[in-house]
Amino acid sequence: MKFEQNKKYLEVKKAYDKSKALLTIVVTVTILSISLLFTNTYSGFALVLLLISLSLFIVIGVRTYKQKQLTTMWVRLNLSQLESSFGGDLEPTMLRSLLDSFSKTSAESLCKLEEALAKQNKDEAKLYSHDLKGSSATIGLHIVAQIAARSEQYCKDNELSKAQQCFSELKKETARGISVFSYYLKNHAQG
């Protein structure tokens, strides 16, 4: 599964890069046709070219945006980890339940982690960082797990100011991870 996921990521990333290049060409043609239109040189041709390039801009722009979303998803969501955690049974209803559960527990853990850091309580901060690390790793949100592991280590080392710096990153990445997981469920989970 890991190889397939990496292969899929590379395919999506390659398509995304091609779309970005096409978008650059279309923007260049659009600018050229606008300048031709304003100089009254080949105005009929320029108008047709402008309409075609604007249409292409919309189509390729939407495609590029979707490919960017997929690229982000493959980077943030480790499906092979998720599959191994649950024995390959990735039913959409189970995944939705996991996401709902993670959303609730991660919000609680983040809130308690923030309170522990504010109170300079390294043991509690370490505990909630550890909770986030485990739950996010289990459902395949490896970037969240890595940041939580860093926070946990800072707490163990009594470097709470560094753990506090990790907290804002952890909060943002947890929200991104939940968003990516939701996007995956909505657009790619079969069932």
N, C-alpha and C. Protein backbone atom coordinates (compact mmCIF):
# COMPACT_ATOMS: atom_id res chain seq x y z
N MET A 1 0.83 -1.20 0.00
CA MET A 1 0.00 0.00 0.00
C MET A 1 0.87 1.26 0.00
N LYS A 2 1.99 1.23 0.80
CA LYS A 2 2.85 2.40 0.89
C LYS A 2 3.41 2.75 -0.49
N PHE A 3 3.89 1.73 -1.21
CA PHE A 3 4.43 1.97 -2.54
C PHE A 3 3.34 2.55 -3.45
N GLU A 4 2.14 1.98 -3.38
CA GLU A 4 1.03 2.46 -4.20
C GLU A 4 0.69 3.90 -3.84
N GLN A 5 0.72 4.22 -2.54
CA GLN A 5 0.41 5.58 -2.12
C GLN A 5 1.47 6.54 -2.64
N ASN A 6 2.75 6.18 -2.53
CA ASN A 6 3.82 7.04 -3.03
C ASN A 6 3.72 7.20 -4.54
N LYS A 7 3.40 6.11 -5.24
CA LYS A 7 3.24 6.17 -6.69
C LYS A 7 2.10 7.10 -7.06
N LYS A 8 0.98 6.97 -6.34
CA LYS A 8 -0.19 7.83 -6.59
C LYS A 8 0.18 9.30 -6.31
N TYR A 9 0.89 9.54 -5.22
CA TYR A 9 1.31 10.90 -4.90
C TYR A 9 2.16 11.48 -6.03
N LEU A 10 3.11 10.69 -6.52
CA LEU A 10 4.00 11.18 -7.59
C LEU A 10 3.22 11.46 -8.87
N GLU A 11 2.23 10.61 -9.17
CA GLU A 11 1.39 10.84 -10.35
C GLU A 11 0.61 12.15 -10.21
N VAL A 12 0.01 12.34 -9.06
CA VAL A 12 -0.78 13.56 -8.82
C VAL A 12 0.13 14.78 -8.83
N LYS A 13 1.30 14.67 -8.22
CA LYS A 13 2.25 15.79 -8.17
C LYS A 13 2.71 16.15 -9.58
N LYS A 14 2.97 15.15 -10.42
CA LYS A 14 3.40 15.40 -11.80
C LYS A 14 2.29 16.11 -12.58
N ALA A 15 1.06 15.64 -12.41
CA ALA A 15 -0.09 16.28 -13.09
C ALA A 15 -0.27 17.70 -12.59
N TYR A 16 -0.09 17.90 -11.30
CA TYR A 16 -0.19 19.24 -10.72
C TYR A 16 0.86 20.17 -11.32
N ASP A 17 2.09 19.70 -11.41
CA ASP A 17 3.16 20.52 -11.99
C ASP A 17 2.88 20.87 -13.45
N LYS A 18 2.34 19.90 -14.22
CA LYS A 18 1.98 20.17 -15.61
C LYS A 18 0.88 21.22 -15.69
N SER A 19 -0.11 21.09 -14.82
CA SER A 19 -1.22 22.04 -14.82
C SER A 19 -0.73 23.45 -14.47
N LYS A 20 0.20 23.54 -13.53
CA LYS A 20 0.76 24.86 -13.19
C LYS A 20 1.47 25.46 -14.39
N ALA A 21 2.22 24.64 -15.13
CA ALA A 21 2.92 25.13 -16.32
C ALA A 21 1.93 25.59 -17.37
N LEU A 22 0.87 24.79 -17.59
CA LEU A 22 -0.17 25.18 -18.55
C LEU A 22 -0.85 26.48 -18.13
N LEU A 23 -1.09 26.61 -16.85
CA LEU A 23 -1.73 27.83 -16.33
C LEU A 23 -0.85 29.05 -16.59
N THR A 24 0.44 28.89 -16.44
CA THR A 24 1.38 29.99 -16.72
C THR A 24 1.31 30.39 -18.19
N ILE A 25 1.26 29.43 -19.09
CA ILE A 25 1.15 29.72 -20.52
C ILE A 25 -0.16 30.43 -20.82
N VAL A 26 -1.26 29.93 -20.24
CA VAL A 26 -2.57 30.55 -20.48
C VAL A 26 -2.59 31.99 -19.97
N VAL A 27 -2.01 32.24 -18.81
CA VAL A 27 -1.95 33.61 -18.29
C VAL A 27 -1.15 34.51 -19.23
N THR A 28 -0.05 33.98 -19.75
CA THR A 28 0.77 34.75 -20.70
C THR A 28 -0.02 35.08 -21.96
N VAL A 29 -0.73 34.11 -22.49
CA VAL A 29 -1.56 34.34 -23.69
C VAL A 29 -2.68 35.34 -23.39
N THR A 30 -3.25 35.24 -22.20
CA THR A 30 -4.31 36.19 -21.81
C THR A 30 -3.76 37.61 -21.77
N ILE A 31 -2.61 37.78 -21.19
CA ILE A 31 -2.00 39.11 -21.11
C ILE A 31 -1.68 39.63 -22.50
N LEU A 32 -1.14 38.76 -23.35
CA LEU A 32 -0.82 39.14 -24.72
C LEU A 32 -2.09 39.56 -25.47
N SER A 33 -3.17 38.80 -25.34
CA SER A 33 -4.41 39.15 -26.06
C SER A 33 -5.02 40.43 -25.53
N ILE A 34 -4.89 40.69 -24.25
CA ILE A 34 -5.39 41.96 -23.69
C ILE A 34 -4.59 43.13 -24.26
N SER A 35 -3.28 42.95 -24.33
CA SER A 35 -2.46 44.05 -24.87
C SER A 35 -2.77 44.27 -26.36
N LEU A 36 -2.99 43.21 -27.10
CA LEU A 36 -3.38 43.37 -28.51
C LEU A 36 -4.73 44.06 -28.63
N LEU A 37 -5.63 43.74 -27.75
CA LEU A 37 -6.97 44.33 -27.76
C LEU A 37 -6.90 45.83 -27.48
N PHE A 38 -6.06 46.22 -26.53
CA PHE A 38 -5.95 47.64 -26.18
C PHE A 38 -5.19 48.46 -27.22
N THR A 39 -4.34 47.81 -27.99
CA THR A 39 -3.61 48.56 -29.02
C THR A 39 -4.36 48.55 -30.36
N ASN A 40 -5.55 47.95 -30.35
CA ASN A 40 -6.39 47.83 -31.54
C ASN A 40 -5.69 47.08 -32.68
N THR A 41 -4.66 46.32 -32.36
CA THR A 41 -3.97 45.50 -33.34
C THR A 41 -4.62 44.13 -33.34
N TYR A 42 -5.09 43.73 -34.50
CA TYR A 42 -5.75 42.44 -34.62
C TYR A 42 -6.85 42.28 -33.56
N SER A 43 -7.70 43.28 -33.39
CA SER A 43 -8.69 43.30 -32.30
C SER A 43 -9.66 42.12 -32.37
N GLY A 44 -10.10 41.70 -33.54
CA GLY A 44 -10.99 40.54 -33.65
C GLY A 44 -10.30 39.27 -33.19
N PHE A 45 -9.09 39.09 -33.69
CA PHE A 45 -8.28 37.93 -33.30
C PHE A 45 -7.99 37.98 -31.80
N ALA A 46 -7.65 39.17 -31.31
CA ALA A 46 -7.32 39.33 -29.89
C ALA A 46 -8.50 39.00 -29.01
N LEU A 47 -9.70 39.40 -29.42
CA LEU A 47 -10.90 39.13 -28.64
C LEU A 47 -11.17 37.62 -28.58
N VAL A 48 -11.07 36.94 -29.70
CA VAL A 48 -11.26 35.48 -29.73
C VAL A 48 -10.20 34.80 -28.86
N LEU A 49 -8.97 35.23 -29.01
CA LEU A 49 -7.87 34.67 -28.22
C LEU A 49 -8.10 34.89 -26.73
N LEU A 50 -8.59 36.08 -26.38
CA LEU A 50 -8.88 36.40 -24.99
C LEU A 50 -9.97 35.49 -24.43
N LEU A 51 -11.03 35.29 -25.17
CA LEU A 51 -12.12 34.44 -24.71
C LEU A 51 -11.67 32.99 -24.54
N ILE A 52 -10.89 32.51 -25.50
CA ILE A 52 -10.37 31.14 -25.40
C ILE A 52 -9.44 31.01 -24.19
N SER A 53 -8.55 31.97 -24.03
CA SER A 53 -7.59 31.86 -22.93
C SER A 53 -8.27 32.00 -21.57
N LEU A 54 -9.30 32.83 -21.47
CA LEU A 54 -10.03 32.94 -20.20
C LEU A 54 -10.78 31.65 -19.89
N SER A 55 -11.35 31.02 -20.91
CA SER A 55 -12.02 29.74 -20.71
C SER A 55 -11.02 28.68 -20.24
N LEU A 56 -9.88 28.63 -20.90
CA LEU A 56 -8.84 27.68 -20.50
C LEU A 56 -8.34 27.98 -19.09
N PHE A 57 -8.23 29.26 -18.77
CA PHE A 57 -7.78 29.66 -17.44
C PHE A 57 -8.71 29.09 -16.38
N ILE A 58 -10.00 29.18 -16.60
CA ILE A 58 -10.97 28.67 -15.63
C ILE A 58 -10.87 27.15 -15.51
N VAL A 59 -10.86 26.46 -16.65
CA VAL A 59 -10.81 24.99 -16.64
C VAL A 59 -9.51 24.50 -16.01
N ILE A 60 -8.39 25.01 -16.45
CA ILE A 60 -7.11 24.56 -15.92
C ILE A 60 -6.93 25.01 -14.48
N GLY A 61 -7.43 26.18 -14.14
CA GLY A 61 -7.34 26.67 -12.77
C GLY A 61 -8.07 25.76 -11.79
N VAL A 62 -9.26 25.33 -12.16
CA VAL A 62 -10.03 24.41 -11.30
C VAL A 62 -9.30 23.07 -11.19
N ARG A 63 -8.80 22.57 -12.31
CA ARG A 63 -8.07 21.30 -12.30
C ARG A 63 -6.81 21.41 -11.43
N THR A 64 -6.10 22.51 -11.55
CA THR A 64 -4.89 22.73 -10.76
C THR A 64 -5.22 22.77 -9.28
N TYR A 65 -6.30 23.45 -8.93
CA TYR A 65 -6.72 23.53 -7.53
C TYR A 65 -7.02 22.13 -6.98
N LYS A 66 -7.74 21.32 -7.74
CA LYS A 66 -8.08 19.97 -7.29
C LYS A 66 -6.82 19.12 -7.13
N GLN A 67 -5.87 19.27 -8.06
CA GLN A 67 -4.64 18.51 -7.96
C GLN A 67 -3.80 18.97 -6.77
N LYS A 68 -3.85 20.25 -6.47
CA LYS A 68 -3.15 20.76 -5.29
C LYS A 68 -3.74 20.15 -4.03
N GLN A 69 -5.07 20.04 -3.99
CA GLN A 69 -5.74 19.42 -2.84
C GLN A 69 -5.29 17.96 -2.70
N LEU A 70 -5.23 17.25 -3.81
CA LEU A 70 -4.81 15.84 -3.76
C LEU A 70 -3.36 15.72 -3.31
N THR A 71 -2.50 16.59 -3.82
CA THR A 71 -1.09 16.58 -3.43
C THR A 71 -0.98 16.79 -1.92
N THR A 72 -1.72 17.76 -1.41
CA THR A 72 -1.73 18.04 0.03
C THR A 72 -2.23 16.82 0.79
N MET A 73 -3.26 16.18 0.27
CA MET A 73 -3.82 15.01 0.95
C MET A 73 -2.78 13.90 1.06
N TRP A 74 -2.10 13.59 -0.05
CA TRP A 74 -1.15 12.48 -0.01
C TRP A 74 0.03 12.78 0.90
N VAL A 75 0.38 14.04 1.07
CA VAL A 75 1.48 14.40 1.96
C VAL A 75 1.05 14.26 3.42
N ARG A 76 -0.16 14.67 3.74
CA ARG A 76 -0.61 14.72 5.13
C ARG A 76 -1.27 13.44 5.65
N LEU A 77 -1.85 12.65 4.78
CA LEU A 77 -2.61 11.48 5.21
C LEU A 77 -1.90 10.21 4.77
N ASN A 78 -1.40 9.46 5.71
CA ASN A 78 -0.67 8.23 5.43
C ASN A 78 -1.67 7.07 5.45
N LEU A 79 -2.19 6.74 4.28
CA LEU A 79 -3.22 5.71 4.18
C LEU A 79 -2.70 4.33 4.55
N SER A 80 -1.43 4.05 4.28
CA SER A 80 -0.89 2.73 4.63
C SER A 80 -0.84 2.56 6.15
N GLN A 81 -0.54 3.64 6.89
CA GLN A 81 -0.56 3.57 8.35
C GLN A 81 -1.98 3.32 8.84
N LEU A 82 -2.91 4.04 8.27
CA LEU A 82 -4.31 3.88 8.62
C LEU A 82 -4.78 2.45 8.34
N GLU A 83 -4.40 1.94 7.18
CA GLU A 83 -4.78 0.58 6.81
C GLU A 83 -4.18 -0.45 7.75
N SER A 84 -2.91 -0.29 8.11
CA SER A 84 -2.28 -1.27 9.01
C SER A 84 -2.84 -1.17 10.42
N SER A 85 -3.25 0.01 10.85
CA SER A 85 -3.83 0.18 12.17
C SER A 85 -5.16 -0.54 12.30
N PHE A 86 -5.88 -0.68 11.19
CA PHE A 86 -7.22 -1.24 11.23
C PHE A 86 -7.36 -2.48 10.35
N GLY A 87 -6.27 -3.17 10.13
CA GLY A 87 -6.30 -4.44 9.43
C GLY A 87 -6.82 -4.38 8.00
N GLY A 88 -6.63 -3.27 7.34
CA GLY A 88 -7.01 -3.14 5.94
C GLY A 88 -8.49 -2.86 5.73
N ASP A 89 -9.26 -2.78 6.80
CA ASP A 89 -10.70 -2.54 6.68
C ASP A 89 -10.98 -1.04 6.74
N LEU A 90 -11.01 -0.41 5.57
CA LEU A 90 -11.19 1.04 5.52
C LEU A 90 -12.58 1.40 4.99
N GLU A 91 -13.60 0.93 5.67
CA GLU A 91 -14.97 1.25 5.30
C GLU A 91 -15.24 2.73 5.57
N PRO A 92 -15.92 3.43 4.67
CA PRO A 92 -16.19 4.85 4.86
C PRO A 92 -16.91 5.17 6.18
N THR A 93 -17.84 4.32 6.61
CA THR A 93 -18.54 4.61 7.87
C THR A 93 -17.59 4.52 9.05
N MET A 94 -16.68 3.55 9.01
CA MET A 94 -15.70 3.43 10.08
C MET A 94 -14.73 4.63 10.05
N LEU A 95 -14.31 5.02 8.86
CA LEU A 95 -13.41 6.16 8.73
C LEU A 95 -14.07 7.44 9.23
N ARG A 96 -15.36 7.62 8.92
CA ARG A 96 -16.09 8.80 9.40
C ARG A 96 -16.13 8.80 10.93
N SER A 97 -16.39 7.63 11.51
CA SER A 97 -16.43 7.50 12.96
C SER A 97 -15.06 7.83 13.57
N LEU A 98 -14.00 7.33 12.94
CA LEU A 98 -12.64 7.63 13.40
C LEU A 98 -12.35 9.13 13.36
N LEU A 99 -12.74 9.73 12.24
CA LEU A 99 -12.50 11.16 12.09
C LEU A 99 -13.28 11.96 13.14
N ASP A 100 -14.54 11.60 13.35
CA ASP A 100 -15.34 12.30 14.35
C ASP A 100 -14.74 12.16 15.75
N SER A 101 -14.32 10.94 16.06
CA SER A 101 -13.71 10.67 17.36
C SER A 101 -12.40 11.44 17.51
N PHE A 102 -11.56 11.40 16.47
CA PHE A 102 -10.29 12.13 16.54
C PHE A 102 -10.52 13.63 16.66
N SER A 103 -11.48 14.16 15.92
CA SER A 103 -11.78 15.60 15.99
C SER A 103 -12.12 16.01 17.40
N LYS A 104 -12.95 15.22 18.05
CA LYS A 104 -13.38 15.53 19.42
C LYS A 104 -12.22 15.39 20.41
N THR A 105 -11.54 14.25 20.37
CA THR A 105 -10.48 14.02 21.36
C THR A 105 -9.27 14.94 21.13
N SER A 106 -8.97 15.24 19.88
CA SER A 106 -7.83 16.13 19.63
C SER A 106 -8.14 17.54 20.10
N ALA A 107 -9.38 17.98 19.93
CA ALA A 107 -9.77 19.32 20.41
C ALA A 107 -9.63 19.38 21.93
N GLU A 108 -10.06 18.31 22.61
CA GLU A 108 -9.93 18.26 24.07
C GLU A 108 -8.46 18.23 24.49
N SER A 109 -7.67 17.40 23.82
CA SER A 109 -6.25 17.29 24.17
C SER A 109 -5.51 18.60 23.90
N LEU A 110 -5.84 19.26 22.79
CA LEU A 110 -5.20 20.56 22.50
C LEU A 110 -5.55 21.59 23.56
N CYS A 111 -6.82 21.61 23.98
CA CYS A 111 -7.25 22.55 25.00
C CYS A 111 -6.51 22.28 26.32
N LYS A 112 -6.44 21.01 26.71
CA LYS A 112 -5.75 20.65 27.96
C LYS A 112 -4.24 20.88 27.85
N LEU A 113 -3.68 20.65 26.67
CA LEU A 113 -2.26 20.91 26.46
C LEU A 113 -1.97 22.40 26.61
N GLU A 114 -2.83 23.22 26.03
CA GLU A 114 -2.66 24.67 26.14
C GLU A 114 -2.72 25.12 27.61
N GLU A 115 -3.66 24.57 28.36
CA GLU A 115 -3.78 24.91 29.79
C GLU A 115 -2.54 24.45 30.56
N ALA A 116 -2.07 23.23 30.28
CA ALA A 116 -0.88 22.70 30.96
C ALA A 116 0.35 23.56 30.67
N LEU A 117 0.49 23.98 29.41
CA LEU A 117 1.63 24.83 29.06
C LEU A 117 1.53 26.19 29.74
N ALA A 118 0.30 26.72 29.82
CA ALA A 118 0.10 28.01 30.48
C ALA A 118 0.45 27.92 31.97
N LYS A 119 0.15 26.77 32.57
CA LYS A 119 0.45 26.55 34.00
C LYS A 119 1.89 26.08 34.21
N GLN A 120 2.63 25.90 33.11
CA GLN A 120 4.01 25.40 33.15
C GLN A 120 4.08 24.01 33.79
N ASN A 121 3.06 23.21 33.54
CA ASN A 121 2.99 21.85 34.08
C ASN A 121 3.53 20.87 33.03
N LYS A 122 4.82 20.55 33.16
CA LYS A 122 5.46 19.74 32.12
C LYS A 122 4.91 18.32 32.05
N ASP A 123 4.51 17.75 33.19
CA ASP A 123 4.00 16.38 33.17
C ASP A 123 2.66 16.28 32.43
N GLU A 124 1.76 17.20 32.71
CA GLU A 124 0.48 17.20 32.00
C GLU A 124 0.68 17.52 30.52
N ALA A 125 1.55 18.49 30.24
CA ALA A 125 1.82 18.86 28.84
C ALA A 125 2.40 17.66 28.08
N LYS A 126 3.29 16.92 28.74
CA LYS A 126 3.87 15.72 28.12
C LYS A 126 2.78 14.68 27.86
N LEU A 127 1.88 14.48 28.81
CA LEU A 127 0.79 13.52 28.67
C LEU A 127 -0.11 13.85 27.48
N TYR A 128 -0.51 15.13 27.35
CA TYR A 128 -1.42 15.50 26.26
C TYR A 128 -0.70 15.52 24.91
N SER A 129 0.58 15.84 24.90
CA SER A 129 1.36 15.73 23.67
C SER A 129 1.44 14.27 23.23
N HIS A 130 1.65 13.40 24.21
CA HIS A 130 1.74 11.97 23.93
C HIS A 130 0.40 11.44 23.39
N ASP A 131 -0.71 11.87 23.99
CA ASP A 131 -2.04 11.47 23.51
C ASP A 131 -2.23 11.86 22.05
N LEU A 132 -1.89 13.10 21.74
CA LEU A 132 -2.04 13.58 20.36
C LEU A 132 -1.13 12.82 19.40
N LYS A 133 0.06 12.53 19.85
CA LYS A 133 1.01 11.78 19.01
C LYS A 133 0.43 10.42 18.66
N GLY A 134 -0.08 9.71 19.65
CA GLY A 134 -0.61 8.36 19.42
C GLY A 134 -1.86 8.34 18.57
N SER A 135 -2.81 9.20 18.90
CA SER A 135 -4.08 9.18 18.16
C SER A 135 -3.90 9.63 16.72
N SER A 136 -3.06 10.62 16.49
CA SER A 136 -2.85 11.09 15.12
C SER A 136 -2.06 10.07 14.30
N ALA A 137 -1.10 9.40 14.91
CA ALA A 137 -0.34 8.36 14.20
C ALA A 137 -1.25 7.20 13.83
N THR A 138 -2.16 6.86 14.73
CA THR A 138 -3.06 5.74 14.49
C THR A 138 -3.94 5.96 13.26
N ILE A 139 -4.39 7.18 13.07
CA ILE A 139 -5.27 7.42 11.91
C ILE A 139 -4.52 7.96 10.70
N GLY A 140 -3.19 7.93 10.75
CA GLY A 140 -2.40 8.26 9.56
C GLY A 140 -2.05 9.72 9.38
N LEU A 141 -2.26 10.55 10.40
CA LEU A 141 -1.88 11.97 10.29
C LEU A 141 -0.46 12.13 10.86
N HIS A 142 0.50 11.67 10.05
CA HIS A 142 1.88 11.57 10.52
C HIS A 142 2.54 12.92 10.80
N ILE A 143 2.17 13.96 10.12
CA ILE A 143 2.78 15.28 10.39
C ILE A 143 2.35 15.76 11.77
N VAL A 144 1.07 15.57 12.11
CA VAL A 144 0.59 15.91 13.45
C VAL A 144 1.35 15.09 14.49
N ALA A 145 1.51 13.79 14.21
CA ALA A 145 2.22 12.91 15.15
C ALA A 145 3.67 13.37 15.35
N GLN A 146 4.32 13.81 14.29
CA GLN A 146 5.71 14.27 14.40
C GLN A 146 5.81 15.54 15.25
N ILE A 147 4.89 16.46 15.05
CA ILE A 147 4.91 17.70 15.83
C ILE A 147 4.60 17.40 17.30
N ALA A 148 3.63 16.52 17.53
CA ALA A 148 3.28 16.14 18.91
C ALA A 148 4.46 15.43 19.59
N ALA A 149 5.19 14.62 18.83
CA ALA A 149 6.37 13.94 19.38
C ALA A 149 7.44 14.96 19.78
N ARG A 150 7.61 15.97 18.94
CA ARG A 150 8.55 17.05 19.27
C ARG A 150 8.12 17.76 20.55
N SER A 151 6.84 18.07 20.64
CA SER A 151 6.30 18.74 21.83
C SER A 151 6.51 17.87 23.07
N GLU A 152 6.23 16.57 22.94
CA GLU A 152 6.42 15.65 24.06
C GLU A 152 7.89 15.63 24.51
N GLN A 153 8.80 15.61 23.55
CA GLN A 153 10.23 15.59 23.89
C GLN A 153 10.64 16.89 24.59
N TYR A 154 10.13 18.02 24.10
CA TYR A 154 10.43 19.30 24.76
C TYR A 154 9.94 19.29 26.20
N CYS A 155 8.78 18.70 26.43
CA CYS A 155 8.24 18.62 27.79
C CYS A 155 9.12 17.72 28.67
N LYS A 156 9.56 16.59 28.11
CA LYS A 156 10.46 15.69 28.85
C LYS A 156 11.75 16.41 29.22
N ASP A 157 12.23 17.25 28.30
CA ASP A 157 13.48 17.97 28.52
C ASP A 157 13.29 19.27 29.30
N ASN A 158 12.06 19.50 29.76
CA ASN A 158 11.70 20.70 30.52
C ASN A 158 11.95 21.99 29.72
N GLU A 159 11.74 21.92 28.43
CA GLU A 159 11.87 23.08 27.55
C GLU A 159 10.47 23.52 27.13
N LEU A 160 9.72 24.04 28.10
CA LEU A 160 8.32 24.36 27.87
C LEU A 160 8.12 25.53 26.90
N SER A 161 9.11 26.42 26.82
CA SER A 161 8.96 27.52 25.84
C SER A 161 9.00 26.96 24.41
N LYS A 162 9.82 25.95 24.18
CA LYS A 162 9.85 25.31 22.86
C LYS A 162 8.57 24.51 22.63
N ALA A 163 8.06 23.87 23.67
CA ALA A 163 6.80 23.13 23.56
C ALA A 163 5.66 24.10 23.23
N GLN A 164 5.72 25.29 23.82
CA GLN A 164 4.71 26.31 23.55
C GLN A 164 4.76 26.74 22.08
N GLN A 165 5.97 26.88 21.54
CA GLN A 165 6.11 27.22 20.12
C GLN A 165 5.54 26.11 19.24
N CYS A 166 5.74 24.86 19.65
CA CYS A 166 5.19 23.71 18.91
C CYS A 166 3.67 23.73 18.95
N PHE A 167 3.09 24.25 20.03
CA PHE A 167 1.65 24.17 20.22
C PHE A 167 0.89 24.84 19.08
N SER A 168 1.29 26.05 18.68
CA SER A 168 0.55 26.73 17.61
C SER A 168 0.67 25.95 16.30
N GLU A 169 1.85 25.39 16.04
CA GLU A 169 2.04 24.57 14.85
C GLU A 169 1.18 23.30 14.93
N LEU A 170 1.13 22.71 16.11
CA LEU A 170 0.33 21.50 16.33
C LEU A 170 -1.15 21.77 16.13
N LYS A 171 -1.59 22.89 16.62
CA LYS A 171 -3.00 23.26 16.48
C LYS A 171 -3.37 23.45 15.00
N LYS A 172 -2.53 24.17 14.27
CA LYS A 172 -2.78 24.41 12.84
C LYS A 172 -2.75 23.11 12.04
N GLU A 173 -1.74 22.29 12.29
CA GLU A 173 -1.59 21.06 11.52
C GLU A 173 -2.68 20.04 11.86
N THR A 174 -3.16 20.05 13.09
CA THR A 174 -4.27 19.17 13.45
C THR A 174 -5.52 19.57 12.66
N ALA A 175 -5.77 20.87 12.58
CA ALA A 175 -6.93 21.35 11.79
C ALA A 175 -6.76 20.98 10.32
N ARG A 176 -5.55 21.14 9.78
CA ARG A 176 -5.29 20.76 8.38
C ARG A 176 -5.49 19.26 8.18
N GLY A 177 -4.98 18.48 9.11
CA GLY A 177 -5.11 17.03 9.02
C GLY A 177 -6.56 16.59 9.01
N ILE A 178 -7.36 17.19 9.87
CA ILE A 178 -8.79 16.87 9.93
C ILE A 178 -9.45 17.26 8.61
N SER A 179 -9.07 18.40 8.08
CA SER A 179 -9.61 18.87 6.81
C SER A 179 -9.24 17.93 5.67
N VAL A 180 -8.00 17.49 5.63
CA VAL A 180 -7.53 16.58 4.59
C VAL A 180 -8.23 15.24 4.70
N PHE A 181 -8.39 14.74 5.92
CA PHE A 181 -9.07 13.47 6.14
C PHE A 181 -10.52 13.59 5.67
N SER A 182 -11.18 14.70 5.98
CA SER A 182 -12.57 14.93 5.53
C SER A 182 -12.63 14.97 4.01
N TYR A 183 -11.68 15.65 3.39
CA TYR A 183 -11.62 15.73 1.93
C TYR A 183 -11.47 14.34 1.33
N TYR A 184 -10.60 13.53 1.93
CA TYR A 184 -10.41 12.16 1.45
C TYR A 184 -11.72 11.39 1.54
N LEU A 185 -12.40 11.49 2.68
CA LEU A 185 -13.67 10.77 2.85
C LEU A 185 -14.70 11.21 1.82
N LYS A 186 -14.77 12.48 1.61
CA LYS A 186 -15.77 13.03 0.69
C LYS A 186 -15.50 12.65 -0.76
N ASN A 187 -14.24 12.64 -1.15
CA ASN A 187 -13.91 12.50 -2.56
C ASN A 187 -13.29 11.17 -2.99
N HIS A 188 -12.81 10.37 -2.05
CA HIS A 188 -12.06 9.18 -2.47
C HIS A 188 -12.45 7.90 -1.78
N ALA A 189 -13.08 7.97 -0.63
CA ALA A 189 -13.45 6.73 0.08
C ALA A 189 -14.61 6.08 -0.67
N GLN A 190 -14.48 4.81 -0.91
CA GLN A 190 -15.51 4.06 -1.64
C GLN A 190 -16.56 3.57 -0.65
N GLY A 191 -17.82 3.58 -1.08
CA GLY A 191 -18.82 2.99 -0.20
C GLY A 191 -20.12 3.61 -0.18
